[in-house]
C-alpha atoms as a PDB file:
ATOM      1  CA  UNK A   1     384.325 214.297 268.439  1.00  0.00           C
ATOM      2  CA  UNK A   2     385.004 212.956 271.919  1.00  0.00           C
ATOM      3  CA  UNK A   3     382.564 211.268 274.272  1.00  0.00           C
ATOM      4  CA  UNK A   4     382.689 212.413 277.902  1.00  0.00           C
ATOM      5  CA  UNK A   5     381.240 211.667 281.312  1.00  0.00           C
ATOM      6  CA  UNK A   6     380.639 214.770 283.414  1.00  0.00           C
ATOM      7  CA  UNK A   7     380.118 214.473 287.166  1.00  0.00           C
ATOM      8  CA  UNK A   8     378.648 217.452 289.003  1.00  0.00           C
ATOM      9  CA  UNK A   9     379.725 218.041 292.565  1.00  0.00           C
ATOM     10  CA  UNK A  10     377.240 218.724 295.331  1.00  0.00           C
ATOM     11  CA  UNK A  11     373.923 219.116 293.549  1.00  0.00           C
ATOM     12  CA  UNK A  12     370.571 218.022 294.947  1.00  0.00           C
ATOM     13  CA  UNK A  13     372.094 218.104 298.424  1.00  0.00           C
ATOM     14  CA  UNK A  14     372.778 221.060 300.671  1.00  0.00           C
ATOM     15  CA  UNK A  15     370.397 223.488 298.981  1.00  0.00           C
ATOM     16  CA  UNK A  16     371.619 223.315 295.372  1.00  0.00           C
ATOM     17  CA  UNK A  17     368.689 221.662 293.631  1.00  0.00           C
ATOM     18  CA  UNK A  18     368.741 221.182 289.881  1.00  0.00           C
ATOM     19  CA  UNK A  19     366.195 219.188 287.941  1.00  0.00           C
ATOM     20  CA  UNK A  20     367.873 216.899 285.437  1.00  0.00           C
ATOM     21  CA  UNK A  21     365.620 218.175 282.622  1.00  0.00           C
ATOM     22  CA  UNK A  22     366.769 221.734 283.390  1.00  0.00           C
ATOM     23  CA  UNK A  23     370.400 220.618 283.503  1.00  0.00           C
ATOM     24  CA  UNK A  24     370.048 218.870 280.153  1.00  0.00           C
ATOM     25  CA  UNK A  25     368.454 221.923 278.546  1.00  0.00           C
ATOM     26  CA  UNK A  26     371.112 224.273 279.954  1.00  0.00           C
ATOM     27  CA  UNK A  27     373.917 222.093 278.601  1.00  0.00           C
ATOM     28  CA  UNK A  28     372.206 221.833 275.227  1.00  0.00           C
ATOM     29  CA  UNK A  29     371.878 225.627 275.116  1.00  0.00           C
ATOM     30  CA  UNK A  30     375.604 225.857 275.923  1.00  0.00           C
ATOM     31  CA  UNK A  31     376.440 223.840 272.808  1.00  0.00           C
ATOM     32  CA  UNK A  32     376.314 220.262 274.074  1.00  0.00           C
ATOM     33  CA  UNK A  33     373.413 219.230 271.818  1.00  0.00           C
ATOM     34  CA  UNK A  34     373.355 215.578 272.827  1.00  0.00           C
ATOM     35  CA  UNK A  35     373.791 215.970 276.613  1.00  0.00           C
ATOM     36  CA  UNK A  36     372.084 213.166 278.506  1.00  0.00           C
ATOM     37  CA  UNK A  37     371.569 212.966 282.266  1.00  0.00           C
ATOM     38  CA  UNK A  38     371.536 209.775 284.298  1.00  0.00           C
ATOM     39  CA  UNK A  39     369.860 209.361 287.654  1.00  0.00           C
ATOM     40  CA  UNK A  40     369.255 212.509 289.702  1.00  0.00           C
ATOM     41  CA  UNK A  41     372.708 213.022 291.120  1.00  0.00           C
ATOM     42  CA  UNK A  42     374.484 215.054 288.460  1.00  0.00           C
ATOM     43  CA  UNK A  43     375.762 212.477 286.017  1.00  0.00           C
ATOM     44  CA  UNK A  44     375.932 213.593 282.381  1.00  0.00           C
ATOM     45  CA  UNK A  45     377.245 212.085 279.179  1.00  0.00           C
ATOM     46  CA  UNK A  46     377.874 214.261 276.163  1.00  0.00           C
ATOM     47  CA  UNK A  47     379.904 214.516 272.984  1.00  0.00           C
ATOM     48  CA  UNK A  48     382.073 217.448 272.064  1.00  0.00           C
ATOM     49  CA  UNK A  49     384.900 218.397 269.722  1.00  0.00           C
ATOM     50  CA  UNK A  50     386.518 220.130 272.738  1.00  0.00           C
ATOM     51  CA  UNK A  51     389.120 218.414 274.914  1.00  0.00           C
ATOM     52  CA  UNK A  52     388.250 217.365 278.482  1.00  0.00           C
ATOM     53  CA  UNK A  53     389.662 220.551 280.069  1.00  0.00           C
ATOM     54  CA  UNK A  54     387.608 222.765 277.760  1.00  0.00           C
ATOM     55  CA  UNK A  55     384.466 220.670 278.374  1.00  0.00           C
ATOM     56  CA  UNK A  56     385.052 221.144 282.117  1.00  0.00           C
ATOM     57  CA  UNK A  57     385.401 224.925 281.756  1.00  0.00           C
ATOM     58  CA  UNK A  58     382.320 225.228 279.534  1.00  0.00           C
ATOM     59  CA  UNK A  59     380.168 223.035 281.792  1.00  0.00           C
ATOM     60  CA  UNK A  60     381.178 224.955 284.920  1.00  0.00           C
ATOM     61  CA  UNK A  61     380.481 228.275 283.190  1.00  0.00           C
ATOM     62  CA  UNK A  62     377.088 227.014 282.034  1.00  0.00           C
ATOM     63  CA  UNK A  63     376.182 225.887 285.557  1.00  0.00           C
ATOM     64  CA  UNK A  64     377.334 229.158 287.136  1.00  0.00           C
ATOM     65  CA  UNK A  65     375.497 231.285 284.575  1.00  0.00           C
ATOM     66  CA  UNK A  66     372.301 229.212 284.520  1.00  0.00           C
ATOM     67  CA  UNK A  67     371.917 228.054 288.111  1.00  0.00           C
ATOM     68  CA  UNK A  68     373.912 230.708 289.991  1.00  0.00           C
ATOM     69  CA  UNK A  69     376.244 228.612 292.096  1.00  0.00           C
ATOM     70  CA  UNK A  70     379.989 228.003 292.215  1.00  0.00           C
ATOM     71  CA  UNK A  71     379.942 224.886 290.072  1.00  0.00           C
ATOM     72  CA  UNK A  72     382.660 222.270 290.096  1.00  0.00           C
ATOM     73  CA  UNK A  73     382.698 219.202 287.823  1.00  0.00           C
ATOM     74  CA  UNK A  74     384.949 216.283 286.971  1.00  0.00           C
ATOM     75  CA  UNK A  75     385.131 215.401 283.271  1.00  0.00           C
ATOM     76  CA  UNK A  76     386.453 212.068 282.044  1.00  0.00           C
ATOM     77  CA  UNK A  77     386.776 210.795 278.505  1.00  0.00           C
ATOM     78  CA  UNK A  78     384.457 207.805 278.153  1.00  0.00           C
ATOM     79  CA  UNK A  79     387.387 205.444 277.502  1.00  0.00           C
ATOM     80  CA  UNK A  80     389.099 206.645 280.695  1.00  0.00           C
ATOM     81  CA  UNK A  81     385.949 206.083 282.729  1.00  0.00           C
ATOM     82  CA  UNK A  82     385.769 202.569 281.314  1.00  0.00           C
ATOM     83  CA  UNK A  83     389.407 201.949 282.321  1.00  0.00           C
ATOM     84  CA  UNK A  84     388.801 203.212 285.874  1.00  0.00           C
ATOM     85  CA  UNK A  85     385.696 201.082 286.345  1.00  0.00           C
ATOM     86  CA  UNK A  86     387.555 198.014 285.030  1.00  0.00           C
ATOM     87  CA  UNK A  87     390.454 198.701 287.410  1.00  0.00           C
ATOM     88  CA  UNK A  88     388.224 198.811 290.486  1.00  0.00           C
ATOM     89  CA  UNK A  89     389.099 195.729 292.558  1.00  0.00           C
ATOM     90  CA  UNK A  90     385.854 195.784 294.524  1.00  0.00           C
ATOM     91  CA  UNK A  91     382.577 194.048 293.668  1.00  0.00           C
ATOM     92  CA  UNK A  92     379.810 195.924 291.878  1.00  0.00           C
ATOM     93  CA  UNK A  93     377.138 194.081 293.801  1.00  0.00           C
ATOM     94  CA  UNK A  94     377.743 192.635 297.246  1.00  0.00           C
ATOM     95  CA  UNK A  95     375.306 192.246 300.130  1.00  0.00           C
ATOM     96  CA  UNK A  96     377.838 193.218 302.814  1.00  0.00           C
ATOM     97  CA  UNK A  97     379.700 196.126 301.219  1.00  0.00           C
ATOM     98  CA  UNK A  98     379.265 198.998 298.793  1.00  0.00           C
ATOM     99  CA  UNK A  99     381.995 199.937 296.329  1.00  0.00           C
ATOM    100  CA  UNK A 100     382.681 203.601 295.634  1.00  0.00           C
ATOM    101  CA  UNK A 101     385.008 205.602 293.435  1.00  0.00           C
ATOM    102  CA  UNK A 102     385.988 209.115 294.464  1.00  0.00           C
ATOM    103  CA  UNK A 103     386.882 211.336 291.508  1.00  0.00           C
ATOM    104  CA  UNK A 104     388.853 214.572 291.470  1.00  0.00           C
ATOM    105  CA  UNK A 105     390.353 216.850 288.865  1.00  0.00           C
ATOM    106  CA  UNK A 106     392.836 218.056 291.509  1.00  0.00           C
ATOM    107  CA  UNK A 107     395.487 215.353 291.849  1.00  0.00           C
ATOM    108  CA  UNK A 108     397.028 217.019 294.910  1.00  0.00           C
ATOM    109  CA  UNK A 109     393.748 216.898 296.812  1.00  0.00           C
ATOM    110  CA  UNK A 110     393.255 213.245 295.880  1.00  0.00           C
ATOM    111  CA  UNK A 111     396.858 212.483 296.927  1.00  0.00           C
ATOM    112  CA  UNK A 112     396.136 214.003 300.339  1.00  0.00           C
ATOM    113  CA  UNK A 113     392.842 212.095 300.680  1.00  0.00           C
ATOM    114  CA  UNK A 114     394.578 208.866 299.642  1.00  0.00           C
ATOM    115  CA  UNK A 115     397.251 209.370 302.317  1.00  0.00           C
ATOM    116  CA  UNK A 116     394.648 210.196 304.973  1.00  0.00           C
ATOM    117  CA  UNK A 117     392.689 207.063 304.105  1.00  0.00           C
ATOM    118  CA  UNK A 118     395.814 204.898 304.057  1.00  0.00           C
ATOM    119  CA  UNK A 119     396.524 205.966 307.643  1.00  0.00           C
ATOM    120  CA  UNK A 120     393.230 204.495 308.830  1.00  0.00           C
ATOM    121  CA  UNK A 121     393.272 201.234 310.734  1.00  0.00           C
ATOM    122  CA  UNK A 122     390.513 199.919 308.456  1.00  0.00           C
ATOM    123  CA  UNK A 123     392.027 200.684 305.062  1.00  0.00           C
ATOM    124  CA  UNK A 124     389.824 199.420 302.244  1.00  0.00           C
ATOM    125  CA  UNK A 125     390.916 201.664 299.385  1.00  0.00           C
ATOM    126  CA  UNK A 126     392.944 201.524 296.194  1.00  0.00           C
ATOM    127  CA  UNK A 127     394.213 204.304 293.969  1.00  0.00           C
ATOM    128  CA  UNK A 128     393.045 203.728 290.398  1.00  0.00           C
ATOM    129  CA  UNK A 129     394.837 206.664 288.798  1.00  0.00           C
ATOM    130  CA  UNK A 130     395.629 210.340 289.299  1.00  0.00           C
ATOM    131  CA  UNK A 131     391.911 211.170 289.237  1.00  0.00           C
ATOM    132  CA  UNK A 132     390.305 208.220 291.023  1.00  0.00           C
ATOM    133  CA  UNK A 133     390.349 206.324 294.297  1.00  0.00           C
ATOM    134  CA  UNK A 134     388.216 203.213 294.941  1.00  0.00           C
ATOM    135  CA  UNK A 135     387.029 202.316 298.423  1.00  0.00           C
ATOM    136  CA  UNK A 136     384.678 200.012 300.279  1.00  0.00           C
ATOM    137  CA  UNK A 137     382.089 200.768 302.926  1.00  0.00           C
ATOM    138  CA  UNK A 138     379.912 198.392 304.887  1.00  0.00           C
ATOM    139  CA  UNK A 139     376.359 198.035 303.576  1.00  0.00           C
ATOM    140  CA  UNK A 140     374.108 200.363 305.530  1.00  0.00           C
ATOM    141  CA  UNK A 141     377.056 202.215 307.029  1.00  0.00           C
ATOM    142  CA  UNK A 142     378.582 204.278 304.252  1.00  0.00           C
ATOM    143  CA  UNK A 143     378.255 207.663 305.964  1.00  0.00           C
ATOM    144  CA  UNK A 144     379.590 206.235 309.219  1.00  0.00           C
ATOM    145  CA  UNK A 145     382.609 204.577 307.626  1.00  0.00           C
ATOM    146  CA  UNK A 146     385.971 206.077 308.640  1.00  0.00           C
ATOM    147  CA  UNK A 147     386.930 206.861 305.035  1.00  0.00           C
ATOM    148  CA  UNK A 148     383.594 208.553 304.330  1.00  0.00           C
ATOM    149  CA  UNK A 149     384.061 210.760 307.397  1.00  0.00           C
ATOM    150  CA  UNK A 150     387.520 211.796 306.201  1.00  0.00           C
ATOM    151  CA  UNK A 151     386.379 212.469 302.632  1.00  0.00           C
ATOM    152  CA  UNK A 152     383.543 214.686 303.936  1.00  0.00           C
ATOM    153  CA  UNK A 153     386.024 217.168 305.435  1.00  0.00           C
ATOM    154  CA  UNK A 154     385.869 220.569 303.757  1.00  0.00           C
ATOM    155  CA  UNK A 155     389.414 220.366 302.371  1.00  0.00           C
ATOM    156  CA  UNK A 156     388.472 217.223 300.405  1.00  0.00           C
ATOM    157  CA  UNK A 157     384.760 217.731 299.881  1.00  0.00           C
ATOM    158  CA  UNK A 158     385.159 220.856 297.751  1.00  0.00           C
ATOM    159  CA  UNK A 159     387.390 219.112 295.189  1.00  0.00           C
ATOM    160  CA  UNK A 160     386.048 215.566 295.048  1.00  0.00           C
ATOM    161  CA  UNK A 161     382.874 213.766 294.101  1.00  0.00           C
ATOM    162  CA  UNK A 162     382.018 210.176 294.896  1.00  0.00           C
ATOM    163  CA  UNK A 163     379.862 207.711 293.010  1.00  0.00           C
ATOM    164  CA  UNK A 164     378.758 204.183 293.783  1.00  0.00           C
ATOM    165  CA  UNK A 165     380.370 201.694 291.395  1.00  0.00           C
ATOM    166  CA  UNK A 166     376.920 200.649 290.122  1.00  0.00           C
ATOM    167  CA  UNK A 167     376.236 204.266 289.120  1.00  0.00           C
ATOM    168  CA  UNK A 168     379.572 204.499 287.327  1.00  0.00           C
ATOM    169  CA  UNK A 169     378.770 201.324 285.395  1.00  0.00           C
ATOM    170  CA  UNK A 170     375.555 202.943 284.150  1.00  0.00           C
ATOM    171  CA  UNK A 171     377.404 206.138 283.203  1.00  0.00           C
ATOM    172  CA  UNK A 172     380.133 204.107 281.470  1.00  0.00           C
ATOM    173  CA  UNK A 173     377.535 202.231 279.437  1.00  0.00           C
ATOM    174  CA  UNK A 174     375.678 205.434 278.481  1.00  0.00           C
ATOM    175  CA  UNK A 175     378.938 207.124 277.436  1.00  0.00           C
ATOM    176  CA  UNK A 176     379.929 204.096 275.347  1.00  0.00           C
ATOM    177  CA  UNK A 177     376.478 204.085 273.697  1.00  0.00           C
ATOM    178  CA  UNK A 178     376.857 207.788 272.903  1.00  0.00           C
ATOM    179  CA  UNK A 179     380.314 207.214 271.418  1.00  0.00           C
ATOM    180  CA  UNK A 180     379.038 204.281 269.343  1.00  0.00           C
ATOM    181  CA  UNK A 181     376.200 206.414 267.966  1.00  0.00           C
ATOM    182  CA  UNK A 182     378.779 208.697 266.381  1.00  0.00           C
ATOM    183  CA  UNK A 183     377.513 211.755 268.273  1.00  0.00           C
END
């Protein structure tokens, strides 16, 4: 039984509103009996005998069938999430900057986003792996940061999801707790 972190793309913004209790119940009905949600931004931890690709397919199908939208998720094994968080070179808590990790299950899209960000004059990013890219934004100016503006373009936005490093630490800890419980 594997422990996974599932990150939903684009919910509770832009008209796709899903209550976390409803999300939890839908995933439980789809066979993920121990699904747990964290915060209100589409972060889930769950255990499954399926591999990560199959968990992704089943979660997306569940979301499409239950909530009626073209769902897209990133699924990471809990150990991989832990590795990515540990590899992030940026601080988890800093008064002048915010640390983010952009996740994608489409390596080509992340490669293109990485190259676009690297071309910026202010380049505060580091590739953590084929599925993750860490970057910094000034406190209070995330949406106005050059990298944020690039990542919001439709060609990247549809295949990526971004989380604050503090959020990923909470998801990492919840996934590790789930794995330790033997679920």
